[in-house]
C-alpha atoms as a PDB file:
ATOM      1  CA  MET A   1     -25.123 211.981 135.880  1.00  0.00           C
ATOM      2  CA  ALA A   2     -25.813 214.919 138.148  1.00  0.00           C
ATOM      3  CA  THR A   3     -29.348 216.220 138.395  1.00  0.00           C
ATOM      4  CA  LEU A   4     -30.209 219.866 138.623  1.00  0.00           C
ATOM      5  CA  SER A   5     -32.566 221.022 141.377  1.00  0.00           C
ATOM      6  CA  ASN A   6     -34.567 224.158 141.832  1.00  0.00           C
ATOM      7  CA  LYS A   7     -34.049 223.980 145.543  1.00  0.00           C
ATOM      8  CA  LYS A   8     -31.362 226.333 146.865  1.00  0.00           C
ATOM      9  CA  PRO A   9     -29.442 225.567 150.042  1.00  0.00           C
ATOM     10  CA  LYS A  10     -30.992 227.185 153.107  1.00  0.00           C
ATOM     11  CA  GLU A  11     -27.739 228.835 154.136  1.00  0.00           C
ATOM     12  CA  LEU A  12     -27.296 230.563 150.809  1.00  0.00           C
ATOM     13  CA  GLU A  13     -30.866 231.939 150.815  1.00  0.00           C
ATOM     14  CA  LEU A  14     -30.492 233.277 154.324  1.00  0.00           C
ATOM     15  CA  LYS A  15     -27.124 234.856 153.415  1.00  0.00           C
ATOM     16  CA  TRP A  16     -28.693 236.825 150.550  1.00  0.00           C
ATOM     17  CA  TYR A  17     -31.578 237.944 152.705  1.00  0.00           C
ATOM     18  CA  ARG A  18     -29.126 239.239 155.281  1.00  0.00           C
ATOM     19  CA  VAL A  19     -27.134 241.033 152.565  1.00  0.00           C
ATOM     20  CA  GLY A  20     -30.277 242.663 151.215  1.00  0.00           C
ATOM     21  CA  TYR A  21     -31.442 243.682 154.671  1.00  0.00           C
ATOM     22  CA  GLY A  22     -28.062 245.105 155.622  1.00  0.00           C
ATOM     23  CA  ALA A  23     -27.635 246.921 152.320  1.00  0.00           C
ATOM     24  CA  PHE A  24     -30.967 248.711 152.596  1.00  0.00           C
ATOM     25  CA  VAL A  25     -30.442 249.617 156.278  1.00  0.00           C
ATOM     26  CA  LEU A  26     -27.047 251.004 155.420  1.00  0.00           C
ATOM     27  CA  LEU A  27     -28.459 252.853 152.441  1.00  0.00           C
ATOM     28  CA  GLY A  28     -31.112 254.378 154.729  1.00  0.00           C
ATOM     29  CA  LEU A  29     -28.438 255.471 157.165  1.00  0.00           C
ATOM     30  CA  TYR A  30     -26.523 257.060 154.273  1.00  0.00           C
ATOM     31  CA  PHE A  31     -29.552 258.996 153.164  1.00  0.00           C
ATOM     32  CA  LEU A  32     -30.310 260.084 156.732  1.00  0.00           C
ATOM     33  CA  LEU A  33     -26.854 261.061 157.904  1.00  0.00           C
ATOM     34  CA  VAL A  34     -25.065 262.174 154.703  1.00  0.00           C
ATOM     35  CA  SER A  35     -27.741 263.305 152.275  1.00  0.00           C
ATOM     36  CA  LYS A  36     -30.113 264.521 155.035  1.00  0.00           C
ATOM     37  CA  ASP A  37     -33.031 263.030 153.150  1.00  0.00           C
ATOM     38  CA  LEU A  38     -35.455 261.472 155.643  1.00  0.00           C
ATOM     39  CA  SER A  39     -37.991 260.335 153.046  1.00  0.00           C
ATOM     40  CA  ALA A  40     -35.387 258.313 151.158  1.00  0.00           C
ATOM     41  CA  ALA A  41     -34.041 256.905 154.407  1.00  0.00           C
ATOM     42  CA  VAL A  42     -37.530 255.820 155.545  1.00  0.00           C
ATOM     43  CA  SER A  43     -38.376 254.238 152.228  1.00  0.00           C
ATOM     44  CA  ASN A  44     -35.152 252.243 152.224  1.00  0.00           C
ATOM     45  CA  TRP A  45     -35.775 251.052 155.790  1.00  0.00           C
ATOM     46  CA  GLY A  46     -39.159 249.927 154.718  1.00  0.00           C
ATOM     47  CA  ILE A  47     -37.738 247.943 151.814  1.00  0.00           C
ATOM     48  CA  ALA A  48     -35.218 246.446 154.273  1.00  0.00           C
ATOM     49  CA  LEU A  49     -38.043 244.770 156.216  1.00  0.00           C
ATOM     50  CA  VAL A  50     -38.902 242.802 153.029  1.00  0.00           C
ATOM     51  CA  PHE A  51     -35.563 241.107 153.445  1.00  0.00           C
ATOM     52  CA  ASP A  52     -36.210 239.466 156.807  1.00  0.00           C
ATOM     53  CA  PRO A  53     -32.653 238.777 158.083  1.00  0.00           C
ATOM     54  CA  PHE A  54     -33.799 235.776 160.092  1.00  0.00           C
ATOM     55  CA  ASP A  55     -35.070 232.440 158.884  1.00  0.00           C
ATOM     56  CA  GLN A  56     -38.419 233.244 157.119  1.00  0.00           C
ATOM     57  CA  ARG A  57     -39.613 229.669 157.454  1.00  0.00           C
ATOM     58  CA  VAL A  58     -39.905 230.024 161.209  1.00  0.00           C
ATOM     59  CA  LYS A  59     -43.358 231.270 162.306  1.00  0.00           C
ATOM     60  CA  TRP A  60     -43.528 234.475 164.242  1.00  0.00           C
ATOM     61  CA  SER A  61     -44.692 232.645 167.397  1.00  0.00           C
ATOM     62  CA  ASP A  62     -41.711 230.260 167.215  1.00  0.00           C
ATOM     63  CA  ARG A  63     -39.020 232.937 166.784  1.00  0.00           C
ATOM     64  CA  ARG A  64     -36.591 233.809 169.502  1.00  0.00           C
ATOM     65  CA  LEU A  65     -37.430 236.848 171.659  1.00  0.00           C
ATOM     66  CA  TRP A  66     -34.430 238.879 170.556  1.00  0.00           C
ATOM     67  CA  GLN A  67     -35.379 238.414 166.861  1.00  0.00           C
ATOM     68  CA  LYS A  68     -38.931 239.636 167.567  1.00  0.00           C
ATOM     69  CA  VAL A  69     -37.571 242.627 169.514  1.00  0.00           C
ATOM     70  CA  TRP A  70     -35.143 243.438 166.666  1.00  0.00           C
ATOM     71  CA  LEU A  71     -37.908 243.463 164.034  1.00  0.00           C
ATOM     72  CA  LEU A  72     -40.275 245.389 166.209  1.00  0.00           C
ATOM     73  CA  ILE A  73     -37.737 248.114 166.977  1.00  0.00           C
ATOM     74  CA  HIS A  74     -37.026 248.354 163.217  1.00  0.00           C
ATOM     75  CA  LEU A  75     -40.716 248.734 162.578  1.00  0.00           C
ATOM     76  CA  LEU A  76     -41.085 251.369 165.328  1.00  0.00           C
ATOM     77  CA  VAL A  77     -38.173 253.379 163.835  1.00  0.00           C
ATOM     78  CA  LEU A  78     -39.913 253.099 160.447  1.00  0.00           C
ATOM     79  CA  ILE A  79     -43.267 254.305 161.841  1.00  0.00           C
ATOM     80  CA  THR A  80     -41.528 257.149 163.715  1.00  0.00           C
ATOM     81  CA  GLY A  81     -39.956 258.254 160.408  1.00  0.00           C
ATOM     82  CA  PHE A  82     -43.319 258.225 158.668  1.00  0.00           C
ATOM     83  CA  VAL A  83     -44.884 260.267 161.526  1.00  0.00           C
ATOM     84  CA  VAL A  84     -42.016 262.833 161.385  1.00  0.00           C
ATOM     85  CA  LEU A  85     -42.505 263.101 157.646  1.00  0.00           C
ATOM     86  CA  LEU A  86     -46.188 263.621 157.998  1.00  0.00           C
ATOM     87  CA  ILE A  87     -45.876 266.251 160.765  1.00  0.00           C
ATOM     88  CA  GLY A  88     -42.944 268.110 159.349  1.00  0.00           C
END
């Protein structure tokens, strides 16, 4: 008899995090480029960071350099959007 487990395969979890991250980044680009709504774009990019596209079980200090750079650039774009919203 097969037993059911609450543990999901690591690959499936990572796939859904990447789908969520990509969806919110693309939605933010849509709001920025098509709808010309910077506030909606910035909020979607902020939500995208919740879906870390890399393995969340790896500590920040153990991540590869390119992953750190990717997430930091995403955060800088997000902060820049907030500043532009506050100034403008």
